[in-house]
Amino acid sequence: MTLFKPLRIGNKTFAINLIQGPLAGVSLAPFRELTWRYSQPAFSCSEMISCKTLLHRSMASLQRFTAKHPQEGPVCFQLSGSDPVELAAATKKITDLGADLIDLNCGCPVKKIRSRGAGSSLLMNAPKLYQLITAMKSHTHVPVGIKIRVEGGNEKFNQEIAQVVCDAGADFLVVHGRHWTEHYETPCRHEAIQFFVEQLSIPVIGNGDIACIDSLKVMFATGCAGAMISRAGVGQPWLIQQLMAEMCQQKFTFPSLNEISVIYLEHIESLIPLLGSEKFSMLHARKLAKYYARPLANRTDFCAAVNACETLADLKSLCARYFI
């Protein structure tokens, strides 16, 4: 019996319950379009966007954050902020720019985000969190959710957050099963995700450590309505389609090395007009190299060589040598 099923969130219904999550510096339109082309998830998430950035920068400088590819599927834009007035205005603006869903980041552990009262620090201020969710809800017609971290072993804390989410009328909740102080070496706390599933009537989407069919089954065992793949999807835009095939015991044909090279180069080339220069695109090429190079036996050498590439032409020549 498959665990895949339609996912209903607010006034929208998606054909599948697997989602590509937000990743800072990665989840731009070219990445999301590739994910849609090869996997067609329920939706993909943007990278986190500061409300202040959204409200005060020029539209030209916002393209990195707000651009949608004409051929990508639904997008959930993730906002960061701590002021209800700013968040309300940002919610309206991103709705007008084409958001299919909107969520508030309540999990970011980065010091500069927490110091502004945003990200994971919002979980320590239930009244503020209630104000923020209701401000978002009153300024958009699309589903609104929040993405949180958990407080391991503190049922009272998790209960308070569940109550706020319910009272404020959020349409969905994404739960990353780690505390904000924990790194990826700490295993995902699936029992904490299950707690929210049992407490709430809205869809709870589980997030954390999903990279293969076995880890996906463990996540779905929490009873979550949907599962969010994050880091594992980088360099593998076909991953969600692969997981669906494996869950249904169907054959999945992996792309060849040459095909992976073509996808990588398309990803990097598509970033040039979005970021405004080939130089910035090549910086992304260096960051993404280790993910696309997963199947290479000489992965370390390839990544080191990418770091020396200055132009897209250099990168194309390099890929022609390694992806054979």
C-alpha atoms as a PDB file:
ATOM      1  CA  MET A   1       0.000   0.000   0.000  1.00  0.00           C
ATOM      2  CA  THR A   2       1.481   3.316  -1.034  1.00  0.00           C
ATOM      3  CA  LEU A   3       1.904   6.116   1.475  1.00  0.00           C
ATOM      4  CA  PHE A   4       1.582   8.693  -1.279  1.00  0.00           C
ATOM      5  CA  LYS A   5      -1.744  10.463  -1.472  1.00  0.00           C
ATOM      6  CA  PRO A   6      -3.208  13.860  -2.352  1.00  0.00           C
ATOM      7  CA  LEU A   7      -2.331  16.637   0.072  1.00  0.00           C
ATOM      8  CA  ARG A   8      -4.998  19.206   0.911  1.00  0.00           C
ATOM      9  CA  ILE A   9      -3.754  22.459   2.455  1.00  0.00           C
ATOM     10  CA  GLY A  10      -6.288  25.216   3.006  1.00  0.00           C
ATOM     11  CA  ASN A  11      -8.019  25.920  -0.293  1.00  0.00           C
ATOM     12  CA  LYS A  12      -5.512  23.938  -2.397  1.00  0.00           C
ATOM     13  CA  THR A  13      -5.155  20.252  -3.178  1.00  0.00           C
ATOM     14  CA  PHE A  14      -1.908  18.767  -4.483  1.00  0.00           C
ATOM     15  CA  ALA A  15      -1.652  15.457  -6.296  1.00  0.00           C
ATOM     16  CA  ILE A  16       1.187  14.153  -4.138  1.00  0.00           C
ATOM     17  CA  ASN A  17       2.406  14.645  -0.558  1.00  0.00           C
ATOM     18  CA  LEU A  18       6.144  15.057  -1.126  1.00  0.00           C
ATOM     19  CA  ILE A  19       7.646  18.549  -1.024  1.00  0.00           C
ATOM     20  CA  GLN A  20      11.026  20.061  -1.881  1.00  0.00           C
ATOM     21  CA  GLY A  21      12.024  22.185   1.101  1.00  0.00           C
ATOM     22  CA  PRO A  22      13.743  25.573   1.385  1.00  0.00           C
ATOM     23  CA  LEU A  23      17.534  25.798   1.294  1.00  0.00           C
ATOM     24  CA  ALA A  24      19.435  29.047   1.739  1.00  0.00           C
ATOM     25  CA  GLY A  25      21.358  29.985  -1.369  1.00  0.00           C
ATOM     26  CA  VAL A  26      19.962  27.033  -3.326  1.00  0.00           C
ATOM     27  CA  SER A  27      16.172  27.198  -3.652  1.00  0.00           C
ATOM     28  CA  LEU A  28      16.110  29.706  -6.490  1.00  0.00           C
ATOM     29  CA  ALA A  29      13.920  29.423  -9.582  1.00  0.00           C
ATOM     30  CA  PRO A  30      16.384  27.326 -11.676  1.00  0.00           C
ATOM     31  CA  PHE A  31      16.709  24.741  -8.899  1.00  0.00           C
ATOM     32  CA  ARG A  32      12.948  24.599  -8.358  1.00  0.00           C
ATOM     33  CA  GLU A  33      12.231  24.300 -12.098  1.00  0.00           C
ATOM     34  CA  LEU A  34      14.586  21.339 -12.409  1.00  0.00           C
ATOM     35  CA  THR A  35      12.941  19.689  -9.404  1.00  0.00           C
ATOM     36  CA  TRP A  36       9.514  20.180 -10.980  1.00  0.00           C
ATOM     37  CA  ARG A  37      10.670  18.902 -14.378  1.00  0.00           C
ATOM     38  CA  TYR A  38      12.111  15.673 -12.994  1.00  0.00           C
ATOM     39  CA  SER A  39       9.891  15.024  -9.958  1.00  0.00           C
ATOM     40  CA  GLN A  40       6.758  17.206  -9.861  1.00  0.00           C
ATOM     41  CA  PRO A  41       6.491  17.487  -6.045  1.00  0.00           C
ATOM     42  CA  ALA A  42       3.388  18.945  -4.412  1.00  0.00           C
ATOM     43  CA  PHE A  43       5.303  22.217  -4.293  1.00  0.00           C
ATOM     44  CA  SER A  44       8.811  23.570  -3.843  1.00  0.00           C
ATOM     45  CA  CYS A  45       9.893  26.236  -1.367  1.00  0.00           C
ATOM     46  CA  SER A  46      11.845  29.412  -1.973  1.00  0.00           C
ATOM     47  CA  GLU A  47      14.840  30.295   0.110  1.00  0.00           C
ATOM     48  CA  MET A  48      14.017  32.407   3.153  1.00  0.00           C
ATOM     49  CA  ILE A  49      13.200  36.038   2.328  1.00  0.00           C
ATOM     50  CA  SER A  50      13.477  38.818   4.902  1.00  0.00           C
ATOM     51  CA  CYS A  51      10.382  41.015   5.118  1.00  0.00           C
ATOM     52  CA  LYS A  52      12.595  44.091   5.184  1.00  0.00           C
ATOM     53  CA  THR A  53      14.341  42.947   2.009  1.00  0.00           C
ATOM     54  CA  LEU A  54      11.034  42.302   0.308  1.00  0.00           C
ATOM     55  CA  LEU A  55       9.554  45.646   1.288  1.00  0.00           C
ATOM     56  CA  HIS A  56      12.500  47.982   0.827  1.00  0.00           C
ATOM     57  CA  ARG A  57      14.590  46.719  -2.076  1.00  0.00           C
ATOM     58  CA  SER A  58      13.919  47.559  -5.700  1.00  0.00           C
ATOM     59  CA  MET A  59      12.082  44.996  -7.778  1.00  0.00           C
ATOM     60  CA  ALA A  60      15.191  44.483  -9.891  1.00  0.00           C
ATOM     61  CA  SER A  61      17.269  43.510  -6.858  1.00  0.00           C
ATOM     62  CA  LEU A  62      14.492  41.210  -5.612  1.00  0.00           C
ATOM     63  CA  GLN A  63      14.585  38.968  -8.674  1.00  0.00           C
ATOM     64  CA  ARG A  64      16.829  36.407  -6.976  1.00  0.00           C
ATOM     65  CA  PHE A  65      14.216  35.906  -4.255  1.00  0.00           C
ATOM     66  CA  THR A  66      10.924  36.400  -6.065  1.00  0.00           C
ATOM     67  CA  ALA A  67      11.434  35.182  -9.649  1.00  0.00           C
ATOM     68  CA  LYS A  68       9.312  32.222 -10.699  1.00  0.00           C
ATOM     69  CA  HIS A  69      10.224  30.122 -13.702  1.00  0.00           C
ATOM     70  CA  PRO A  70       7.348  29.981 -16.205  1.00  0.00           C
ATOM     71  CA  GLN A  71       7.622  26.190 -16.298  1.00  0.00           C
ATOM     72  CA  GLU A  72       7.938  25.430 -12.598  1.00  0.00           C
ATOM     73  CA  GLY A  73       5.139  24.110 -10.411  1.00  0.00           C
ATOM     74  CA  PRO A  74       3.609  25.596  -7.240  1.00  0.00           C
ATOM     75  CA  VAL A  75       5.914  27.584  -4.973  1.00  0.00           C
ATOM     76  CA  CYS A  76       5.708  28.221  -1.250  1.00  0.00           C
ATOM     77  CA  PHE A  77       7.526  31.471  -0.474  1.00  0.00           C
ATOM     78  CA  GLN A  78       9.134  31.486   2.963  1.00  0.00           C
ATOM     79  CA  LEU A  79       9.231  34.779   4.863  1.00  0.00           C
ATOM     80  CA  SER A  80      11.351  35.846   7.812  1.00  0.00           C
ATOM     81  CA  GLY A  81      10.321  38.623  10.176  1.00  0.00           C
ATOM     82  CA  SER A  82       9.228  39.560  13.667  1.00  0.00           C
ATOM     83  CA  ASP A  83       7.049  42.649  13.150  1.00  0.00           C
ATOM     84  CA  PRO A  84       3.335  41.973  12.445  1.00  0.00           C
ATOM     85  CA  VAL A  85       2.903  45.125  10.345  1.00  0.00           C
ATOM     86  CA  GLU A  86       5.927  44.367   8.172  1.00  0.00           C
ATOM     87  CA  LEU A  87       4.962  40.725   7.851  1.00  0.00           C
ATOM     88  CA  ALA A  88       1.416  41.632   6.815  1.00  0.00           C
ATOM     89  CA  ALA A  89       2.745  43.948   4.084  1.00  0.00           C
ATOM     90  CA  ALA A  90       5.296  41.374   2.947  1.00  0.00           C
ATOM     91  CA  THR A  91       2.613  38.690   2.822  1.00  0.00           C
ATOM     92  CA  LYS A  92       0.441  40.855   0.593  1.00  0.00           C
ATOM     93  CA  LYS A  93       3.370  41.690  -1.678  1.00  0.00           C
ATOM     94  CA  ILE A  94       4.527  38.104  -2.133  1.00  0.00           C
ATOM     95  CA  THR A  95       0.920  37.046  -2.767  1.00  0.00           C
ATOM     96  CA  ASP A  96       0.670  39.638  -5.530  1.00  0.00           C
ATOM     97  CA  LEU A  97       3.953  38.305  -6.956  1.00  0.00           C
ATOM     98  CA  GLY A  98       2.467  34.850  -7.411  1.00  0.00           C
ATOM     99  CA  ALA A  99       2.958  32.828  -4.220  1.00  0.00           C
ATOM    100  CA  ASP A 100       0.927  29.612  -4.153  1.00  0.00           C
ATOM    101  CA  LEU A 101       1.533  29.199  -0.423  1.00  0.00           C
ATOM    102  CA  ILE A 102       3.405  31.258   2.189  1.00  0.00           C
ATOM    103  CA  ASP A 103       5.140  30.124   5.329  1.00  0.00           C
ATOM    104  CA  LEU A 104       6.899  31.871   8.183  1.00  0.00           C
ATOM    105  CA  ASN A 105      10.352  30.686   9.163  1.00  0.00           C
ATOM    106  CA  CYS A 106      10.382  29.812  12.856  1.00  0.00           C
ATOM    107  CA  GLY A 107      13.341  27.477  12.756  1.00  0.00           C
ATOM    108  CA  CYS A 108      16.407  29.326  11.460  1.00  0.00           C
ATOM    109  CA  PRO A 109      19.240  28.918  14.019  1.00  0.00           C
ATOM    110  CA  VAL A 110      21.534  31.605  12.554  1.00  0.00           C
ATOM    111  CA  LYS A 111      22.624  34.126  15.190  1.00  0.00           C
ATOM    112  CA  LYS A 112      21.925  37.271  13.151  1.00  0.00           C
ATOM    113  CA  ILE A 113      18.379  36.072  12.411  1.00  0.00           C
ATOM    114  CA  ARG A 114      17.681  35.159  16.039  1.00  0.00           C
ATOM    115  CA  SER A 115      19.121  38.464  17.260  1.00  0.00           C
ATOM    116  CA  ARG A 116      16.407  40.255  15.267  1.00  0.00           C
ATOM    117  CA  GLY A 117      13.728  38.279  17.060  1.00  0.00           C
ATOM    118  CA  ALA A 118      13.063  36.161  13.968  1.00  0.00           C
ATOM    119  CA  GLY A 119      13.688  32.543  13.004  1.00  0.00           C
ATOM    120  CA  SER A 120      13.769  30.021  15.834  1.00  0.00           C
ATOM    121  CA  SER A 121      13.617  32.753  18.494  1.00  0.00           C
ATOM    122  CA  LEU A 122       9.912  33.189  17.656  1.00  0.00           C
ATOM    123  CA  LEU A 123       9.237  29.830  19.284  1.00  0.00           C
ATOM    124  CA  MET A 124      10.040  31.407  22.652  1.00  0.00           C
ATOM    125  CA  ASN A 125       7.357  34.086  22.234  1.00  0.00           C
ATOM    126  CA  ALA A 126       3.941  32.496  21.776  1.00  0.00           C
ATOM    127  CA  PRO A 127       1.931  35.774  21.882  1.00  0.00           C
ATOM    128  CA  LYS A 128       4.155  37.291  19.168  1.00  0.00           C
ATOM    129  CA  LEU A 129       3.883  34.155  17.069  1.00  0.00           C
ATOM    130  CA  TYR A 130       0.085  34.338  17.283  1.00  0.00           C
ATOM    131  CA  GLN A 131       0.172  37.974  16.106  1.00  0.00           C
ATOM    132  CA  LEU A 132       2.402  37.116  13.173  1.00  0.00           C
ATOM    133  CA  ILE A 133       0.306  34.217  11.932  1.00  0.00           C
ATOM    134  CA  THR A 134      -2.936  36.172  12.160  1.00  0.00           C
ATOM    135  CA  ALA A 135      -1.319  39.145  10.386  1.00  0.00           C
ATOM    136  CA  MET A 136      -0.328  36.864   7.519  1.00  0.00           C
ATOM    137  CA  LYS A 137      -3.733  35.192   7.357  1.00  0.00           C
ATOM    138  CA  SER A 138      -5.527  38.528   7.080  1.00  0.00           C
ATOM    139  CA  HIS A 139      -3.424  39.695   4.113  1.00  0.00           C
ATOM    140  CA  THR A 140      -3.563  36.779   1.700  1.00  0.00           C
ATOM    141  CA  HIS A 141      -5.972  34.325   0.124  1.00  0.00           C
ATOM    142  CA  VAL A 142      -3.372  31.535  -0.202  1.00  0.00           C
ATOM    143  CA  PRO A 143      -2.602  28.937   2.505  1.00  0.00           C
ATOM    144  CA  VAL A 144      -0.379  30.140   5.355  1.00  0.00           C
ATOM    145  CA  GLY A 145       1.863  27.942   7.469  1.00  0.00           C
ATOM    146  CA  ILE A 146       4.906  28.030   9.690  1.00  0.00           C
ATOM    147  CA  LYS A 147       8.080  25.939   9.733  1.00  0.00           C
ATOM    148  CA  ILE A 148       9.426  25.161  13.171  1.00  0.00           C
ATOM    149  CA  ARG A 149      12.122  23.337  15.060  1.00  0.00           C
ATOM    150  CA  VAL A 150      11.215  21.212  18.079  1.00  0.00           C
ATOM    151  CA  GLU A 151      12.074  21.305  21.757  1.00  0.00           C
ATOM    152  CA  GLY A 152      13.312  17.799  22.448  1.00  0.00           C
ATOM    153  CA  GLY A 153      11.697  16.207  25.484  1.00  0.00           C
ATOM    154  CA  ASN A 154       9.767  19.358  26.446  1.00  0.00           C
ATOM    155  CA  GLU A 155       6.128  18.432  25.890  1.00  0.00           C
ATOM    156  CA  LYS A 156       4.868  21.626  27.542  1.00  0.00           C
ATOM    157  CA  PHE A 157       6.803  23.762  25.044  1.00  0.00           C
ATOM    158  CA  ASN A 158       5.622  21.750  22.058  1.00  0.00           C
ATOM    159  CA  GLN A 159       2.048  21.837  23.368  1.00  0.00           C
ATOM    160  CA  GLU A 160       2.155  25.624  23.622  1.00  0.00           C
ATOM    161  CA  ILE A 161       3.361  25.942  20.033  1.00  0.00           C
ATOM    162  CA  ALA A 162       0.688  23.528  18.821  1.00  0.00           C
ATOM    163  CA  GLN A 163      -1.976  25.575  20.594  1.00  0.00           C
ATOM    164  CA  VAL A 164      -0.768  28.845  19.067  1.00  0.00           C
ATOM    165  CA  VAL A 165      -0.712  27.337  15.580  1.00  0.00           C
ATOM    166  CA  CYS A 166      -4.266  26.084  16.090  1.00  0.00           C
ATOM    167  CA  ASP A 167      -5.646  29.292  17.643  1.00  0.00           C
ATOM    168  CA  ALA A 168      -4.085  31.548  15.000  1.00  0.00           C
ATOM    169  CA  GLY A 169      -5.650  29.555  12.174  1.00  0.00           C
ATOM    170  CA  ALA A 170      -2.527  28.373  10.343  1.00  0.00           C
ATOM    171  CA  ASP A 171      -3.310  26.124   7.378  1.00  0.00           C
ATOM    172  CA  PHE A 172      -0.307  23.829   7.746  1.00  0.00           C
ATOM    173  CA  LEU A 173       2.737  23.187   9.912  1.00  0.00           C
ATOM    174  CA  VAL A 174       6.181  22.002   8.815  1.00  0.00           C
ATOM    175  CA  VAL A 175       8.140  20.360  11.631  1.00  0.00           C
ATOM    176  CA  HIS A 176      11.898  19.916  11.384  1.00  0.00           C
ATOM    177  CA  GLY A 177      12.617  17.326  14.033  1.00  0.00           C
ATOM    178  CA  ARG A 178      15.632  19.015  15.625  1.00  0.00           C
ATOM    179  CA  HIS A 179      16.165  21.741  18.209  1.00  0.00           C
ATOM    180  CA  TRP A 180      17.637  24.977  16.868  1.00  0.00           C
ATOM    181  CA  THR A 181      20.931  24.263  18.670  1.00  0.00           C
ATOM    182  CA  GLU A 182      21.310  20.837  17.047  1.00  0.00           C
ATOM    183  CA  HIS A 183      23.252  20.200  13.865  1.00  0.00           C
ATOM    184  CA  TYR A 184      22.669  17.570  11.208  1.00  0.00           C
ATOM    185  CA  GLU A 185      24.766  15.045  13.131  1.00  0.00           C
ATOM    186  CA  THR A 186      21.884  14.844  15.631  1.00  0.00           C
ATOM    187  CA  PRO A 187      19.230  12.411  14.366  1.00  0.00           C
ATOM    188  CA  CYS A 188      15.784  13.746  13.532  1.00  0.00           C
ATOM    189  CA  ARG A 189      13.357  13.457  16.476  1.00  0.00           C
ATOM    190  CA  HIS A 190      10.494  11.642  14.800  1.00  0.00           C
ATOM    191  CA  GLU A 191       8.589  11.317  18.064  1.00  0.00           C
ATOM    192  CA  ALA A 192       8.365  15.120  18.280  1.00  0.00           C
ATOM    193  CA  ILE A 193       6.916  15.276  14.778  1.00  0.00           C
ATOM    194  CA  GLN A 194       4.383  12.622  15.756  1.00  0.00           C
ATOM    195  CA  PHE A 195       3.403  14.730  18.781  1.00  0.00           C
ATOM    196  CA  PHE A 196       2.331  17.593  16.519  1.00  0.00           C
ATOM    197  CA  VAL A 197       0.532  15.193  14.177  1.00  0.00           C
ATOM    198  CA  GLU A 198      -1.525  13.942  17.099  1.00  0.00           C
ATOM    199  CA  GLN A 199      -2.206  17.406  18.493  1.00  0.00           C
ATOM    200  CA  LEU A 200      -3.329  19.190  15.337  1.00  0.00           C
ATOM    201  CA  SER A 201      -6.105  18.721  12.800  1.00  0.00           C
ATOM    202  CA  ILE A 202      -4.280  20.693  10.075  1.00  0.00           C
ATOM    203  CA  PRO A 203      -1.708  18.965   7.813  1.00  0.00           C
ATOM    204  CA  VAL A 204       1.632  18.432   9.521  1.00  0.00           C
ATOM    205  CA  ILE A 205       4.583  18.004   7.164  1.00  0.00           C
ATOM    206  CA  GLY A 206       7.583  16.145   8.544  1.00  0.00           C
ATOM    207  CA  ASN A 207      11.105  17.282   7.734  1.00  0.00           C
ATOM    208  CA  GLY A 208      14.514  15.887   8.591  1.00  0.00           C
ATOM    209  CA  ASP A 209      16.952  13.209   7.371  1.00  0.00           C
ATOM    210  CA  ILE A 210      14.913  12.032   4.375  1.00  0.00           C
ATOM    211  CA  ALA A 211      17.328  10.809   1.727  1.00  0.00           C
ATOM    212  CA  CYS A 212      16.170   7.302   0.772  1.00  0.00           C
ATOM    213  CA  ILE A 213      13.116   5.073   0.785  1.00  0.00           C
ATOM    214  CA  ASP A 214      13.788   3.697   4.283  1.00  0.00           C
ATOM    215  CA  SER A 215      14.106   7.168   5.838  1.00  0.00           C
ATOM    216  CA  LEU A 216      10.933   8.228   4.032  1.00  0.00           C
ATOM    217  CA  LYS A 217       9.032   5.268   5.505  1.00  0.00           C
ATOM    218  CA  VAL A 218      10.236   6.220   8.986  1.00  0.00           C
ATOM    219  CA  MET A 219       8.958   9.762   8.457  1.00  0.00           C
ATOM    220  CA  PHE A 220       5.557   8.622   7.216  1.00  0.00           C
ATOM    221  CA  ALA A 221       5.310   6.314  10.260  1.00  0.00           C
ATOM    222  CA  THR A 222       4.792   9.479  12.334  1.00  0.00           C
ATOM    223  CA  GLY A 223       1.416   9.884  10.644  1.00  0.00           C
ATOM    224  CA  CYS A 224       2.453  13.134   8.942  1.00  0.00           C
ATOM    225  CA  ALA A 225       0.306  14.265   6.031  1.00  0.00           C
ATOM    226  CA  GLY A 226       3.346  15.028   3.903  1.00  0.00           C
ATOM    227  CA  ALA A 227       7.119  14.726   3.878  1.00  0.00           C
ATOM    228  CA  MET A 228       9.611  17.456   3.015  1.00  0.00           C
ATOM    229  CA  ILE A 229      12.904  16.557   1.368  1.00  0.00           C
ATOM    230  CA  SER A 230      15.578  19.234   1.718  1.00  0.00           C
ATOM    231  CA  ARG A 231      19.343  18.720   1.401  1.00  0.00           C
ATOM    232  CA  ALA A 232      19.066  15.341  -0.333  1.00  0.00           C
ATOM    233  CA  GLY A 233      17.278  16.950  -3.273  1.00  0.00           C
ATOM    234  CA  VAL A 234      20.248  19.167  -4.160  1.00  0.00           C
ATOM    235  CA  GLY A 235      21.987  17.763  -7.223  1.00  0.00           C
ATOM    236  CA  GLN A 236      19.262  15.117  -7.525  1.00  0.00           C
ATOM    237  CA  PRO A 237      16.170  16.830  -8.938  1.00  0.00           C
ATOM    238  CA  TRP A 238      14.849  13.363  -9.769  1.00  0.00           C
ATOM    239  CA  LEU A 239      14.949  12.183  -6.116  1.00  0.00           C
ATOM    240  CA  ILE A 240      11.255  12.609  -5.334  1.00  0.00           C
ATOM    241  CA  GLN A 241      10.318  10.701  -8.502  1.00  0.00           C
ATOM    242  CA  GLN A 242      12.817   8.006  -7.521  1.00  0.00           C
ATOM    243  CA  LEU A 243      11.290   7.675  -4.040  1.00  0.00           C
ATOM    244  CA  MET A 244       7.805   7.423  -5.494  1.00  0.00           C
ATOM    245  CA  ALA A 245       8.899   4.676  -7.871  1.00  0.00           C
ATOM    246  CA  GLU A 246      10.688   2.722  -5.148  1.00  0.00           C
ATOM    247  CA  MET A 247       7.738   3.015  -2.761  1.00  0.00           C
ATOM    248  CA  CYS A 248       5.482   1.592  -5.476  1.00  0.00           C
ATOM    249  CA  GLN A 249       8.080  -1.098  -6.295  1.00  0.00           C
ATOM    250  CA  GLN A 250       8.516   0.254  -9.796  1.00  0.00           C
ATOM    251  CA  LYS A 251      11.768   0.390 -11.740  1.00  0.00           C
ATOM    252  CA  PHE A 252      13.517   3.755 -11.694  1.00  0.00           C
ATOM    253  CA  THR A 253      16.106   4.575 -14.330  1.00  0.00           C
ATOM    254  CA  PHE A 254      18.841   6.827 -12.997  1.00  0.00           C
ATOM    255  CA  PRO A 255      20.228   9.506 -15.298  1.00  0.00           C
ATOM    256  CA  SER A 256      23.583   8.732 -16.859  1.00  0.00           C
ATOM    257  CA  LEU A 257      26.706  10.635 -15.890  1.00  0.00           C
ATOM    258  CA  ASN A 258      26.413  12.619 -19.093  1.00  0.00           C
ATOM    259  CA  GLU A 259      22.797  13.518 -18.288  1.00  0.00           C
ATOM    260  CA  ILE A 260      23.786  14.639 -14.784  1.00  0.00           C
ATOM    261  CA  SER A 261      26.474  16.831 -16.319  1.00  0.00           C
ATOM    262  CA  VAL A 262      23.905  18.425 -18.633  1.00  0.00           C
ATOM    263  CA  ILE A 263      21.563  19.098 -15.694  1.00  0.00           C
ATOM    264  CA  TYR A 264      24.359  20.640 -13.616  1.00  0.00           C
ATOM    265  CA  LEU A 265      25.468  22.914 -16.440  1.00  0.00           C
ATOM    266  CA  GLU A 266      21.898  23.971 -17.186  1.00  0.00           C
ATOM    267  CA  HIS A 267      21.410  24.789 -13.507  1.00  0.00           C
ATOM    268  CA  ILE A 268      24.492  26.999 -13.434  1.00  0.00           C
ATOM    269  CA  GLU A 269      23.827  28.673 -16.785  1.00  0.00           C
ATOM    270  CA  SER A 270      20.237  29.478 -15.766  1.00  0.00           C
ATOM    271  CA  LEU A 271      21.556  31.327 -12.717  1.00  0.00           C
ATOM    272  CA  ILE A 272      23.487  33.880 -14.806  1.00  0.00           C
ATOM    273  CA  PRO A 273      20.546  36.127 -15.791  1.00  0.00           C
ATOM    274  CA  LEU A 274      18.955  35.694 -12.376  1.00  0.00           C
ATOM    275  CA  LEU A 275      22.058  36.677 -10.403  1.00  0.00           C
ATOM    276  CA  GLY A 276      23.198  39.270 -12.908  1.00  0.00           C
ATOM    277  CA  SER A 277      26.649  37.926 -13.728  1.00  0.00           C
ATOM    278  CA  GLU A 278      28.570  34.836 -14.703  1.00  0.00           C
ATOM    279  CA  LYS A 279      30.885  35.439 -11.764  1.00  0.00           C
ATOM    280  CA  PHE A 280      28.090  35.005  -9.204  1.00  0.00           C
ATOM    281  CA  SER A 281      26.802  31.966 -11.051  1.00  0.00           C
ATOM    282  CA  MET A 282      30.231  30.347 -10.838  1.00  0.00           C
ATOM    283  CA  LEU A 283      30.254  30.865  -7.082  1.00  0.00           C
ATOM    284  CA  HIS A 284      27.087  28.784  -6.984  1.00  0.00           C
ATOM    285  CA  ALA A 285      28.750  26.211  -9.248  1.00  0.00           C
ATOM    286  CA  ARG A 286      31.422  25.699  -6.602  1.00  0.00           C
ATOM    287  CA  LYS A 287      28.861  25.307  -3.841  1.00  0.00           C
ATOM    288  CA  LEU A 288      26.743  22.858  -5.821  1.00  0.00           C
ATOM    289  CA  ALA A 289      29.585  20.777  -7.252  1.00  0.00           C
ATOM    290  CA  LYS A 290      29.738  18.238  -4.407  1.00  0.00           C
ATOM    291  CA  TYR A 291      26.052  17.455  -4.807  1.00  0.00           C
ATOM    292  CA  TYR A 292      26.069  16.860  -8.543  1.00  0.00           C
ATOM    293  CA  ALA A 293      29.341  14.927  -8.193  1.00  0.00           C
ATOM    294  CA  ARG A 294      27.844  12.287  -5.860  1.00  0.00           C
ATOM    295  CA  PRO A 295      28.189   9.452  -8.423  1.00  0.00           C
ATOM    296  CA  LEU A 296      31.756  10.321  -9.424  1.00  0.00           C
ATOM    297  CA  ALA A 297      34.528   8.055  -8.167  1.00  0.00           C
ATOM    298  CA  ASN A 298      36.918  11.034  -8.229  1.00  0.00           C
ATOM    299  CA  ARG A 299      34.417  13.426  -6.646  1.00  0.00           C
ATOM    300  CA  THR A 300      37.013  15.237  -4.499  1.00  0.00           C
ATOM    301  CA  ASP A 301      39.234  15.987  -7.478  1.00  0.00           C
ATOM    302  CA  PHE A 302      36.272  17.267  -9.483  1.00  0.00           C
ATOM    303  CA  CYS A 303      35.155  19.638  -6.726  1.00  0.00           C
ATOM    304  CA  ALA A 304      38.669  20.993  -6.335  1.00  0.00           C
ATOM    305  CA  ALA A 305      38.839  21.581 -10.075  1.00  0.00           C
ATOM    306  CA  VAL A 306      35.490  23.393 -10.076  1.00  0.00           C
ATOM    307  CA  ASN A 307      36.888  25.789  -7.476  1.00  0.00           C
ATOM    308  CA  ALA A 308      39.468  26.836 -10.061  1.00  0.00           C
ATOM    309  CA  CYS A 309      36.909  27.493 -12.806  1.00  0.00           C
ATOM    310  CA  GLU A 310      36.413  31.165 -13.611  1.00  0.00           C
ATOM    311  CA  THR A 311      33.890  30.934 -16.440  1.00  0.00           C
ATOM    312  CA  LEU A 312      31.034  28.772 -17.639  1.00  0.00           C
ATOM    313  CA  ALA A 313      33.221  27.692 -20.550  1.00  0.00           C
ATOM    314  CA  ASP A 314      35.808  26.428 -18.045  1.00  0.00           C
ATOM    315  CA  LEU A 315      33.105  24.470 -16.230  1.00  0.00           C
ATOM    316  CA  LYS A 316      31.798  22.925 -19.457  1.00  0.00           C
ATOM    317  CA  SER A 317      35.285  21.737 -20.388  1.00  0.00           C
ATOM    318  CA  LEU A 318      35.788  20.297 -16.922  1.00  0.00           C
ATOM    319  CA  CYS A 319      32.481  18.412 -16.952  1.00  0.00           C
ATOM    320  CA  ALA A 320      33.320  16.976 -20.370  1.00  0.00           C
ATOM    321  CA  ARG A 321      36.433  15.416 -18.817  1.00  0.00           C
ATOM    322  CA  TYR A 322      34.900  14.044 -15.615  1.00  0.00           C
ATOM    323  CA  PHE A 323      31.341  13.039 -16.545  1.00  0.00           C
ATOM    324  CA  ILE A 324      32.205  10.355 -19.095  1.00  0.00           C
END
